[in-house]
Amino acid sequence: MRSVIADIRDADAVALALASAQAEIVLHLAAQPLVRASYADPLTTYATNVMGTANVLEAARHVRSVKVVQVITTDKCYDNREWEYPYRETDRLGGHDPYSNSKACAELVVDSYRRSFMREAGIHLASARAGNVIGGGDWAVDRIVPDCIRALLAEQPIDIRSPGAIRPWQHVLEPLSGYLVLAEQQYADAAGALASGFNFGPESSGAVPVGELAAGIVRHWGQGQLNISGDPHKLHEAGTLKLDISKARVRLGWRPRWDFDKTLHHTVDWYRRVLCHGESARQVCLAQIADYQTLAQP
């Protein structure tokens, strides 16, 4: 595999990378992915998530080998009304914070390119909107799982700023499997009927409060304490967010395989094995992928 390290905001670098690869399928996952970081640096967030997406699509439409493009956005691209029911692909796009808003903007860029350029070029362009992803290997600051793990390793209480916020938690392998299923079916879909947005999230039982997630991490770790600290900066974040995955289930035959407890088990187990037992991160990842694949067989 050939890797090219470049800035997604650099249109020329993106165009050169895609032209050199002569790929048939393009999956765009690059992003500034953090809500709180978007408040600190909104311009970089918009430049990365909006113009970065435009750069990928503009480059892809000029590469004759490209047949399928898939842009990964987020469940936060929807205009959050704090509803109890889950959001569907037909619901209104929006976003209060710069991160969520930038992803809604990216969806609009996708829609424009699909209708203006991609159909004429014979390229099937879809977007994938994933729920809150957790799993081993996440080291980001201000993300609940790595923050919990850092506190547990330091034998410090876990600070929880929004214990009641409900999110659709899923293991990282779940949406990845969805992206691959969608890309495969896009490629085989001569009519372009799948060139649209798709939600990938957990079953309804996976949409639980942050406090319950943190308590589950402590339970699987075997020790630890929670400290409900609140948010001293009072930055706006959605209170309730759920996803309706009916479209992916019906149109693609995709469904999540791990329930909430299994998701927590594999997440905590990854950090314990790598950080406490010194196992190879790559080998632990491969083992978890193999475990997931046994359940993902039709």
C-alpha atoms as a PDB file:
ATOM      1  CA  MET A   1       0.000   0.000   0.000  1.00  0.00           C
ATOM      2  CA  ARG A   2       1.253   3.484  -0.899  1.00  0.00           C
ATOM      3  CA  SER A   3       0.741   6.297   1.617  1.00  0.00           C
ATOM      4  CA  VAL A   4       0.801  10.011   0.820  1.00  0.00           C
ATOM      5  CA  ILE A   5       0.978  12.426   3.747  1.00  0.00           C
ATOM      6  CA  ALA A   6      -0.519  15.789   2.784  1.00  0.00           C
ATOM      7  CA  ASP A   7      -2.912  18.501   3.948  1.00  0.00           C
ATOM      8  CA  ILE A   8      -6.507  17.948   2.853  1.00  0.00           C
ATOM      9  CA  ARG A   9      -6.774  21.750   2.518  1.00  0.00           C
ATOM     10  CA  ASP A  10      -4.116  21.704  -0.208  1.00  0.00           C
ATOM     11  CA  ALA A  11      -6.157  21.251  -3.386  1.00  0.00           C
ATOM     12  CA  ASP A  12      -3.112  20.613  -5.575  1.00  0.00           C
ATOM     13  CA  ALA A  13      -1.734  17.939  -3.239  1.00  0.00           C
ATOM     14  CA  VAL A  14      -5.103  16.189  -3.073  1.00  0.00           C
ATOM     15  CA  ALA A  15      -5.475  16.284  -6.855  1.00  0.00           C
ATOM     16  CA  LEU A  16      -1.981  14.876  -7.369  1.00  0.00           C
ATOM     17  CA  ALA A  17      -2.548  12.064  -4.861  1.00  0.00           C
ATOM     18  CA  LEU A  18      -5.805  10.981  -6.484  1.00  0.00           C
ATOM     19  CA  ALA A  19      -4.453  11.261 -10.011  1.00  0.00           C
ATOM     20  CA  SER A  20      -1.407   9.179  -9.068  1.00  0.00           C
ATOM     21  CA  ALA A  21      -3.465   6.483  -7.365  1.00  0.00           C
ATOM     22  CA  GLN A  22      -5.860   5.980 -10.306  1.00  0.00           C
ATOM     23  CA  ALA A  23      -8.320   4.533  -7.805  1.00  0.00           C
ATOM     24  CA  GLU A  24     -11.817   3.355  -8.643  1.00  0.00           C
ATOM     25  CA  ILE A  25     -13.219   3.852  -5.129  1.00  0.00           C
ATOM     26  CA  VAL A  26     -12.498   6.927  -2.982  1.00  0.00           C
ATOM     27  CA  LEU A  27     -13.427   7.083   0.711  1.00  0.00           C
ATOM     28  CA  HIS A  28     -13.008  10.533   2.266  1.00  0.00           C
ATOM     29  CA  LEU A  29     -12.532  10.293   6.053  1.00  0.00           C
ATOM     30  CA  ALA A  30     -10.167  13.221   6.750  1.00  0.00           C
ATOM     31  CA  ALA A  31     -11.601  15.791   9.163  1.00  0.00           C
ATOM     32  CA  GLN A  32     -11.223  18.004  12.195  1.00  0.00           C
ATOM     33  CA  PRO A  33     -13.462  15.787  14.352  1.00  0.00           C
ATOM     34  CA  LEU A  34     -13.784  17.523  17.739  1.00  0.00           C
ATOM     35  CA  VAL A  35     -16.624  19.781  18.880  1.00  0.00           C
ATOM     36  CA  ARG A  36     -14.650  21.663  21.521  1.00  0.00           C
ATOM     37  CA  ALA A  37     -11.664  22.129  19.202  1.00  0.00           C
ATOM     38  CA  SER A  38     -14.041  23.689  16.677  1.00  0.00           C
ATOM     39  CA  TYR A  39     -14.942  26.385  19.182  1.00  0.00           C
ATOM     40  CA  ALA A  40     -11.239  27.120  19.722  1.00  0.00           C
ATOM     41  CA  ASP A  41     -10.412  27.218  16.001  1.00  0.00           C
ATOM     42  CA  PRO A  42     -13.517  27.486  13.817  1.00  0.00           C
ATOM     43  CA  LEU A  43     -11.684  28.639  10.691  1.00  0.00           C
ATOM     44  CA  THR A  44      -9.445  25.568  10.581  1.00  0.00           C
ATOM     45  CA  THR A  45     -12.501  23.407  11.222  1.00  0.00           C
ATOM     46  CA  TYR A  46     -14.386  24.892   8.263  1.00  0.00           C
ATOM     47  CA  ALA A  47     -11.313  24.884   6.025  1.00  0.00           C
ATOM     48  CA  THR A  48     -10.707  21.204   6.775  1.00  0.00           C
ATOM     49  CA  ASN A  49     -14.238  19.844   6.819  1.00  0.00           C
ATOM     50  CA  VAL A  50     -15.842  21.953   4.103  1.00  0.00           C
ATOM     51  CA  MET A  51     -13.095  22.981   1.687  1.00  0.00           C
ATOM     52  CA  GLY A  52     -11.246  19.717   2.318  1.00  0.00           C
ATOM     53  CA  THR A  53     -14.345  17.862   1.154  1.00  0.00           C
ATOM     54  CA  ALA A  54     -14.673  20.137  -1.879  1.00  0.00           C
ATOM     55  CA  ASN A  55     -11.015  19.502  -2.722  1.00  0.00           C
ATOM     56  CA  VAL A  56     -11.524  15.728  -2.669  1.00  0.00           C
ATOM     57  CA  LEU A  57     -14.659  15.869  -4.813  1.00  0.00           C
ATOM     58  CA  GLU A  58     -13.144  18.308  -7.282  1.00  0.00           C
ATOM     59  CA  ALA A  59     -10.077  16.112  -7.661  1.00  0.00           C
ATOM     60  CA  ALA A  60     -12.103  12.902  -7.938  1.00  0.00           C
ATOM     61  CA  ARG A  61     -14.325  14.153 -10.749  1.00  0.00           C
ATOM     62  CA  HIS A  62     -11.276  14.746 -12.944  1.00  0.00           C
ATOM     63  CA  VAL A  63      -9.826  11.234 -12.479  1.00  0.00           C
ATOM     64  CA  ARG A  64     -11.290   8.955 -15.130  1.00  0.00           C
ATOM     65  CA  SER A  65     -10.723   5.757 -13.139  1.00  0.00           C
ATOM     66  CA  VAL A  66     -12.968   6.876 -10.241  1.00  0.00           C
ATOM     67  CA  LYS A  67     -16.357   5.139 -10.146  1.00  0.00           C
ATOM     68  CA  VAL A  68     -17.399   5.551  -6.497  1.00  0.00           C
ATOM     69  CA  VAL A  69     -16.863   8.303  -3.924  1.00  0.00           C
ATOM     70  CA  GLN A  70     -18.023   8.105  -0.338  1.00  0.00           C
ATOM     71  CA  VAL A  71     -17.782  11.070   2.048  1.00  0.00           C
ATOM     72  CA  ILE A  72     -17.873  10.328   5.772  1.00  0.00           C
ATOM     73  CA  THR A  73     -19.622  13.003   7.815  1.00  0.00           C
ATOM     74  CA  THR A  74     -21.356  12.518  11.181  1.00  0.00           C
ATOM     75  CA  ASP A  75     -24.637  12.134  13.029  1.00  0.00           C
ATOM     76  CA  LYS A  76     -24.131  15.727  14.175  1.00  0.00           C
ATOM     77  CA  CYS A  77     -24.857  17.039  10.664  1.00  0.00           C
ATOM     78  CA  TYR A  78     -28.559  17.121  11.548  1.00  0.00           C
ATOM     79  CA  ASP A  79     -30.249  20.240  12.924  1.00  0.00           C
ATOM     80  CA  ASN A  80     -30.613  19.005  16.494  1.00  0.00           C
ATOM     81  CA  ARG A  81     -34.034  19.721  17.984  1.00  0.00           C
ATOM     82  CA  GLU A  82     -33.471  17.653  21.145  1.00  0.00           C
ATOM     83  CA  TRP A  83     -36.107  15.223  19.933  1.00  0.00           C
ATOM     84  CA  GLU A  84     -36.589  11.819  21.534  1.00  0.00           C
ATOM     85  CA  TYR A  85     -36.881  10.043  18.207  1.00  0.00           C
ATOM     86  CA  PRO A  86     -33.844   9.237  16.042  1.00  0.00           C
ATOM     87  CA  TYR A  87     -32.824  11.329  13.046  1.00  0.00           C
ATOM     88  CA  ARG A  88     -33.416  10.021   9.536  1.00  0.00           C
ATOM     89  CA  GLU A  89     -31.532  10.839   6.367  1.00  0.00           C
ATOM     90  CA  THR A  90     -34.396  13.069   5.216  1.00  0.00           C
ATOM     91  CA  ASP A  91     -34.292  15.288   8.319  1.00  0.00           C
ATOM     92  CA  ARG A  92     -33.064  18.862   8.136  1.00  0.00           C
ATOM     93  CA  LEU A  93     -29.320  19.491   8.198  1.00  0.00           C
ATOM     94  CA  GLY A  94     -27.790  22.071  10.536  1.00  0.00           C
ATOM     95  CA  GLY A  95     -25.500  22.488  13.513  1.00  0.00           C
ATOM     96  CA  HIS A  96     -25.004  24.896  16.414  1.00  0.00           C
ATOM     97  CA  ASP A  97     -21.276  24.424  17.024  1.00  0.00           C
ATOM     98  CA  PRO A  98     -18.715  24.940  14.224  1.00  0.00           C
ATOM     99  CA  TYR A  99     -17.888  21.222  13.989  1.00  0.00           C
ATOM    100  CA  SER A 100     -21.490  20.074  13.535  1.00  0.00           C
ATOM    101  CA  ASN A 101     -22.223  22.977  11.228  1.00  0.00           C
ATOM    102  CA  SER A 102     -19.147  22.274   9.105  1.00  0.00           C
ATOM    103  CA  LYS A 103     -20.305  18.697   8.611  1.00  0.00           C
ATOM    104  CA  ALA A 104     -23.752  19.878   7.549  1.00  0.00           C
ATOM    105  CA  CYS A 105     -21.976  22.186   5.095  1.00  0.00           C
ATOM    106  CA  ALA A 106     -19.956  19.219   3.829  1.00  0.00           C
ATOM    107  CA  GLU A 107     -23.214  17.373   3.172  1.00  0.00           C
ATOM    108  CA  LEU A 108     -24.418  20.338   1.097  1.00  0.00           C
ATOM    109  CA  VAL A 109     -21.167  20.281  -0.875  1.00  0.00           C
ATOM    110  CA  VAL A 110     -21.716  16.560  -1.505  1.00  0.00           C
ATOM    111  CA  ASP A 111     -25.272  17.165  -2.696  1.00  0.00           C
ATOM    112  CA  SER A 112     -24.185  19.937  -5.053  1.00  0.00           C
ATOM    113  CA  TYR A 113     -21.337  17.917  -6.562  1.00  0.00           C
ATOM    114  CA  ARG A 114     -23.591  14.884  -6.941  1.00  0.00           C
ATOM    115  CA  ARG A 115     -26.178  16.822  -8.925  1.00  0.00           C
ATOM    116  CA  SER A 116     -23.841  19.198 -10.747  1.00  0.00           C
ATOM    117  CA  PHE A 117     -20.912  16.992 -11.752  1.00  0.00           C
ATOM    118  CA  MET A 118     -20.800  13.385 -10.554  1.00  0.00           C
ATOM    119  CA  ARG A 119     -23.832  11.959 -12.315  1.00  0.00           C
ATOM    120  CA  GLU A 120     -22.655  13.326 -15.634  1.00  0.00           C
ATOM    121  CA  ALA A 121     -19.190  11.880 -14.978  1.00  0.00           C
ATOM    122  CA  GLY A 122     -20.648   8.466 -14.113  1.00  0.00           C
ATOM    123  CA  ILE A 123     -19.430   8.663 -10.504  1.00  0.00           C
ATOM    124  CA  HIS A 124     -21.685   7.372  -7.719  1.00  0.00           C
ATOM    125  CA  LEU A 125     -21.345   9.787  -4.770  1.00  0.00           C
ATOM    126  CA  ALA A 126     -22.749   8.887  -1.340  1.00  0.00           C
ATOM    127  CA  SER A 127     -22.300  10.150   2.205  1.00  0.00           C
ATOM    128  CA  ALA A 128     -22.129   8.115   5.407  1.00  0.00           C
ATOM    129  CA  ARG A 129     -23.274   9.588   8.724  1.00  0.00           C
ATOM    130  CA  ALA A 130     -21.905   7.641  11.670  1.00  0.00           C
ATOM    131  CA  GLY A 131     -22.930   7.774  15.310  1.00  0.00           C
ATOM    132  CA  ASN A 132     -20.493   8.342  18.174  1.00  0.00           C
ATOM    133  CA  VAL A 133     -17.583   5.999  17.510  1.00  0.00           C
ATOM    134  CA  ILE A 134     -15.492   4.440  20.279  1.00  0.00           C
ATOM    135  CA  GLY A 135     -12.775   1.797  20.303  1.00  0.00           C
ATOM    136  CA  GLY A 136      -9.104   1.210  20.941  1.00  0.00           C
ATOM    137  CA  GLY A 137      -6.478   3.549  19.546  1.00  0.00           C
ATOM    138  CA  ASP A 138      -8.306   6.809  20.213  1.00  0.00           C
ATOM    139  CA  TRP A 139      -5.923   9.202  22.015  1.00  0.00           C
ATOM    140  CA  ALA A 140      -7.710  12.517  21.374  1.00  0.00           C
ATOM    141  CA  VAL A 141      -8.177  15.117  24.100  1.00  0.00           C
ATOM    142  CA  ASP A 142     -11.749  15.948  25.184  1.00  0.00           C
ATOM    143  CA  ARG A 143     -13.126  12.615  24.040  1.00  0.00           C
ATOM    144  CA  ILE A 144     -14.862  10.529  26.651  1.00  0.00           C
ATOM    145  CA  VAL A 145     -13.158   7.150  26.212  1.00  0.00           C
ATOM    146  CA  PRO A 146      -9.491   8.265  26.074  1.00  0.00           C
ATOM    147  CA  ASP A 147     -10.191  10.746  28.892  1.00  0.00           C
ATOM    148  CA  CYS A 148     -11.567   7.860  30.975  1.00  0.00           C
ATOM    149  CA  ILE A 149      -8.600   5.623  30.198  1.00  0.00           C
ATOM    150  CA  ARG A 150      -6.069   8.349  31.059  1.00  0.00           C
ATOM    151  CA  ALA A 151      -7.796   8.938  34.392  1.00  0.00           C
ATOM    152  CA  LEU A 152      -7.941   5.212  35.178  1.00  0.00           C
ATOM    153  CA  LEU A 153      -4.249   4.743  34.383  1.00  0.00           C
ATOM    154  CA  ALA A 154      -3.384   7.703  36.635  1.00  0.00           C
ATOM    155  CA  GLU A 155      -5.728   6.337  39.339  1.00  0.00           C
ATOM    156  CA  GLN A 156      -7.619   9.625  39.282  1.00  0.00           C
ATOM    157  CA  PRO A 157     -11.409  10.190  39.296  1.00  0.00           C
ATOM    158  CA  ILE A 158     -12.983  10.461  35.848  1.00  0.00           C
ATOM    159  CA  ASP A 159     -14.398  13.958  35.305  1.00  0.00           C
ATOM    160  CA  ILE A 160     -17.758  13.884  33.527  1.00  0.00           C
ATOM    161  CA  ARG A 161     -19.058  17.239  32.298  1.00  0.00           C
ATOM    162  CA  SER A 162     -22.358  16.155  30.685  1.00  0.00           C
ATOM    163  CA  PRO A 163     -23.492  12.880  32.297  1.00  0.00           C
ATOM    164  CA  GLY A 164     -27.022  13.107  30.922  1.00  0.00           C
ATOM    165  CA  ALA A 165     -26.114  13.724  27.270  1.00  0.00           C
ATOM    166  CA  ILE A 166     -27.416  10.836  25.150  1.00  0.00           C
ATOM    167  CA  ARG A 167     -25.340   9.602  22.214  1.00  0.00           C
ATOM    168  CA  PRO A 168     -25.583   6.629  19.796  1.00  0.00           C
ATOM    169  CA  TRP A 169     -22.402   4.762  20.841  1.00  0.00           C
ATOM    170  CA  GLN A 170     -20.907   2.171  18.514  1.00  0.00           C
ATOM    171  CA  HIS A 171     -17.592   0.385  18.130  1.00  0.00           C
ATOM    172  CA  VAL A 172     -15.414   1.743  15.335  1.00  0.00           C
ATOM    173  CA  LEU A 173     -15.651  -1.545  13.424  1.00  0.00           C
ATOM    174  CA  GLU A 174     -19.410  -1.103  13.009  1.00  0.00           C
ATOM    175  CA  PRO A 175     -19.436   1.993  10.781  1.00  0.00           C
ATOM    176  CA  LEU A 176     -16.283   0.808   9.003  1.00  0.00           C
ATOM    177  CA  SER A 177     -18.138  -2.334   7.986  1.00  0.00           C
ATOM    178  CA  GLY A 178     -21.017  -0.130   6.856  1.00  0.00           C
ATOM    179  CA  TYR A 179     -18.741   2.038   4.714  1.00  0.00           C
ATOM    180  CA  LEU A 180     -17.325  -1.042   3.001  1.00  0.00           C
ATOM    181  CA  VAL A 181     -20.754  -2.567   2.395  1.00  0.00           C
ATOM    182  CA  LEU A 182     -21.985   0.721   0.956  1.00  0.00           C
ATOM    183  CA  ALA A 183     -18.901   1.161  -1.252  1.00  0.00           C
ATOM    184  CA  GLU A 184     -19.172  -2.399  -2.577  1.00  0.00           C
ATOM    185  CA  GLN A 185     -22.838  -1.971  -3.435  1.00  0.00           C
ATOM    186  CA  GLN A 186     -22.250   1.493  -4.914  1.00  0.00           C
ATOM    187  CA  TYR A 187     -19.674  -0.037  -7.247  1.00  0.00           C
ATOM    188  CA  ALA A 188     -22.106  -2.737  -8.380  1.00  0.00           C
ATOM    189  CA  ASP A 189     -25.015  -0.290  -8.684  1.00  0.00           C
ATOM    190  CA  ALA A 190     -24.998   0.742 -12.341  1.00  0.00           C
ATOM    191  CA  ALA A 191     -28.077   2.944 -11.932  1.00  0.00           C
ATOM    192  CA  GLY A 192     -26.598   4.990  -9.082  1.00  0.00           C
ATOM    193  CA  ALA A 193     -29.598   4.321  -6.845  1.00  0.00           C
ATOM    194  CA  LEU A 194     -27.406   4.350  -3.722  1.00  0.00           C
ATOM    195  CA  ALA A 195     -25.912   7.790  -4.400  1.00  0.00           C
ATOM    196  CA  SER A 196     -27.378   9.412  -1.288  1.00  0.00           C
ATOM    197  CA  GLY A 197     -26.861   9.710   2.468  1.00  0.00           C
ATOM    198  CA  PHE A 198     -26.835   6.720   4.854  1.00  0.00           C
ATOM    199  CA  ASN A 199     -26.885   6.603   8.654  1.00  0.00           C
ATOM    200  CA  PHE A 200     -24.692   4.030  10.420  1.00  0.00           C
ATOM    201  CA  GLY A 201     -25.340   3.680  14.124  1.00  0.00           C
ATOM    202  CA  PRO A 202     -26.153   1.205  16.895  1.00  0.00           C
ATOM    203  CA  GLU A 203     -29.445  -0.423  17.742  1.00  0.00           C
ATOM    204  CA  SER A 204     -31.695   1.793  19.866  1.00  0.00           C
ATOM    205  CA  SER A 205     -30.280   0.212  23.044  1.00  0.00           C
ATOM    206  CA  GLY A 206     -26.881   1.718  22.188  1.00  0.00           C
ATOM    207  CA  ALA A 207     -28.128   5.299  22.621  1.00  0.00           C
ATOM    208  CA  VAL A 208     -27.335   5.873  26.300  1.00  0.00           C
ATOM    209  CA  PRO A 209     -26.193   8.786  28.514  1.00  0.00           C
ATOM    210  CA  VAL A 210     -22.517   9.694  28.838  1.00  0.00           C
ATOM    211  CA  GLY A 211     -22.630   8.868  32.547  1.00  0.00           C
ATOM    212  CA  GLU A 212     -23.778   5.323  31.791  1.00  0.00           C
ATOM    213  CA  LEU A 213     -20.977   4.914  29.258  1.00  0.00           C
ATOM    214  CA  ALA A 214     -18.361   6.088  31.783  1.00  0.00           C
ATOM    215  CA  ALA A 215     -19.779   3.814  34.482  1.00  0.00           C
ATOM    216  CA  GLY A 216     -19.585   0.902  32.039  1.00  0.00           C
ATOM    217  CA  ILE A 217     -15.938   1.671  31.291  1.00  0.00           C
ATOM    218  CA  VAL A 218     -15.175   1.639  35.029  1.00  0.00           C
ATOM    219  CA  ARG A 219     -17.024  -1.665  35.404  1.00  0.00           C
ATOM    220  CA  HIS A 220     -15.088  -3.328  32.591  1.00  0.00           C
ATOM    221  CA  TRP A 221     -11.783  -1.871  33.831  1.00  0.00           C
ATOM    222  CA  GLY A 222     -12.459  -3.266  37.301  1.00  0.00           C
ATOM    223  CA  GLN A 223     -11.945  -0.104  39.346  1.00  0.00           C
ATOM    224  CA  GLY A 224     -12.259   3.683  39.206  1.00  0.00           C
ATOM    225  CA  GLN A 225     -14.462   6.559  40.304  1.00  0.00           C
ATOM    226  CA  LEU A 226     -16.618   9.121  38.525  1.00  0.00           C
ATOM    227  CA  ASN A 227     -16.648  12.833  39.327  1.00  0.00           C
ATOM    228  CA  ILE A 228     -19.583  14.790  37.891  1.00  0.00           C
ATOM    229  CA  SER A 229     -17.793  18.087  37.325  1.00  0.00           C
ATOM    230  CA  GLY A 230     -20.033  19.916  34.858  1.00  0.00           C
ATOM    231  CA  ASP A 231     -18.696  22.079  32.033  1.00  0.00           C
ATOM    232  CA  PRO A 232     -16.938  25.193  33.377  1.00  0.00           C
ATOM    233  CA  HIS A 233     -16.816  26.732  29.886  1.00  0.00           C
ATOM    234  CA  LYS A 234     -20.532  26.146  29.196  1.00  0.00           C
ATOM    235  CA  LEU A 235     -19.952  25.411  25.515  1.00  0.00           C
ATOM    236  CA  HIS A 236     -23.099  24.290  23.734  1.00  0.00           C
ATOM    237  CA  GLU A 237     -23.328  20.596  22.861  1.00  0.00           C
ATOM    238  CA  ALA A 238     -26.422  18.614  21.914  1.00  0.00           C
ATOM    239  CA  GLY A 239     -28.274  16.952  24.775  1.00  0.00           C
ATOM    240  CA  THR A 240     -29.951  14.098  22.891  1.00  0.00           C
ATOM    241  CA  LEU A 241     -28.801  12.524  19.641  1.00  0.00           C
ATOM    242  CA  LYS A 242     -30.061   9.274  18.134  1.00  0.00           C
ATOM    243  CA  LEU A 243     -29.858   7.774  14.644  1.00  0.00           C
ATOM    244  CA  ASP A 244     -32.398   5.836  12.611  1.00  0.00           C
ATOM    245  CA  ILE A 245     -30.536   3.125  10.678  1.00  0.00           C
ATOM    246  CA  SER A 246     -33.562   1.695   8.863  1.00  0.00           C
ATOM    247  CA  LYS A 247     -32.329   2.827   5.448  1.00  0.00           C
ATOM    248  CA  ALA A 248     -28.984   1.021   5.757  1.00  0.00           C
ATOM    249  CA  ARG A 249     -30.734  -2.056   7.117  1.00  0.00           C
ATOM    250  CA  VAL A 250     -33.281  -2.212   4.284  1.00  0.00           C
ATOM    251  CA  ARG A 251     -31.279  -0.899   1.318  1.00  0.00           C
ATOM    252  CA  LEU A 252     -27.876  -2.409   2.133  1.00  0.00           C
ATOM    253  CA  GLY A 253     -28.684  -5.370   4.362  1.00  0.00           C
ATOM    254  CA  TRP A 254     -26.323  -3.885   6.969  1.00  0.00           C
ATOM    255  CA  ARG A 255     -26.858  -4.011  10.713  1.00  0.00           C
ATOM    256  CA  PRO A 256     -24.700  -3.534  13.825  1.00  0.00           C
ATOM    257  CA  ARG A 257     -23.262  -6.729  15.340  1.00  0.00           C
ATOM    258  CA  TRP A 258     -22.043  -5.743  18.821  1.00  0.00           C
ATOM    259  CA  ASP A 259     -24.430  -4.532  21.513  1.00  0.00           C
ATOM    260  CA  PHE A 260     -23.518  -1.773  23.963  1.00  0.00           C
ATOM    261  CA  ASP A 261     -21.881  -4.063  26.525  1.00  0.00           C
ATOM    262  CA  LYS A 262     -19.860  -5.921  23.879  1.00  0.00           C
ATOM    263  CA  THR A 263     -18.746  -2.563  22.476  1.00  0.00           C
ATOM    264  CA  LEU A 264     -17.507  -1.474  25.905  1.00  0.00           C
ATOM    265  CA  HIS A 265     -15.783  -4.819  26.477  1.00  0.00           C
ATOM    266  CA  HIS A 266     -13.766  -4.647  23.262  1.00  0.00           C
ATOM    267  CA  THR A 267     -12.936  -0.976  23.781  1.00  0.00           C
ATOM    268  CA  VAL A 268     -11.625  -1.381  27.327  1.00  0.00           C
ATOM    269  CA  ASP A 269      -9.934  -4.677  26.461  1.00  0.00           C
ATOM    270  CA  TRP A 270      -7.914  -2.970  23.692  1.00  0.00           C
ATOM    271  CA  TYR A 271      -6.481  -0.347  26.044  1.00  0.00           C
ATOM    272  CA  ARG A 272      -5.794  -2.870  28.807  1.00  0.00           C
ATOM    273  CA  ARG A 273      -3.981  -5.278  26.506  1.00  0.00           C
ATOM    274  CA  VAL A 274      -1.906  -2.571  24.791  1.00  0.00           C
ATOM    275  CA  LEU A 275      -1.179  -0.227  27.716  1.00  0.00           C
ATOM    276  CA  CYS A 276      -1.088  -2.637  30.652  1.00  0.00           C
ATOM    277  CA  HIS A 277       0.022  -5.929  29.095  1.00  0.00           C
ATOM    278  CA  GLY A 278       2.319  -4.519  26.411  1.00  0.00           C
ATOM    279  CA  GLU A 279       0.669  -6.341  23.515  1.00  0.00           C
ATOM    280  CA  SER A 280       1.062  -5.116  19.944  1.00  0.00           C
ATOM    281  CA  ALA A 281      -1.661  -2.624  19.017  1.00  0.00           C
ATOM    282  CA  ARG A 282      -1.704  -4.078  15.513  1.00  0.00           C
ATOM    283  CA  GLN A 283      -2.184  -7.621  16.748  1.00  0.00           C
ATOM    284  CA  VAL A 284      -4.971  -6.614  19.135  1.00  0.00           C
ATOM    285  CA  CYS A 285      -6.701  -4.774  16.288  1.00  0.00           C
ATOM    286  CA  LEU A 286      -6.411  -7.800  14.010  1.00  0.00           C
ATOM    287  CA  ALA A 287      -7.788 -10.081  16.723  1.00  0.00           C
ATOM    288  CA  GLN A 288     -10.788  -7.821  17.279  1.00  0.00           C
ATOM    289  CA  ILE A 289     -11.396  -7.541  13.539  1.00  0.00           C
ATOM    290  CA  ALA A 290     -11.362 -11.339  13.279  1.00  0.00           C
ATOM    291  CA  ASP A 291     -13.826 -11.582  16.167  1.00  0.00           C
ATOM    292  CA  TYR A 292     -16.095  -9.042  14.502  1.00  0.00           C
ATOM    293  CA  GLN A 293     -15.922 -10.778  11.128  1.00  0.00           C
ATOM    294  CA  THR A 294     -17.211 -14.035  12.599  1.00  0.00           C
ATOM    295  CA  LEU A 295     -20.430 -12.185  13.456  1.00  0.00           C
ATOM    296  CA  ALA A 296     -20.554 -10.124  10.270  1.00  0.00           C
ATOM    297  CA  GLN A 297     -20.957 -13.119   7.990  1.00  0.00           C
ATOM    298  CA  PRO A 298     -24.387 -13.191   6.286  1.00  0.00           C
END
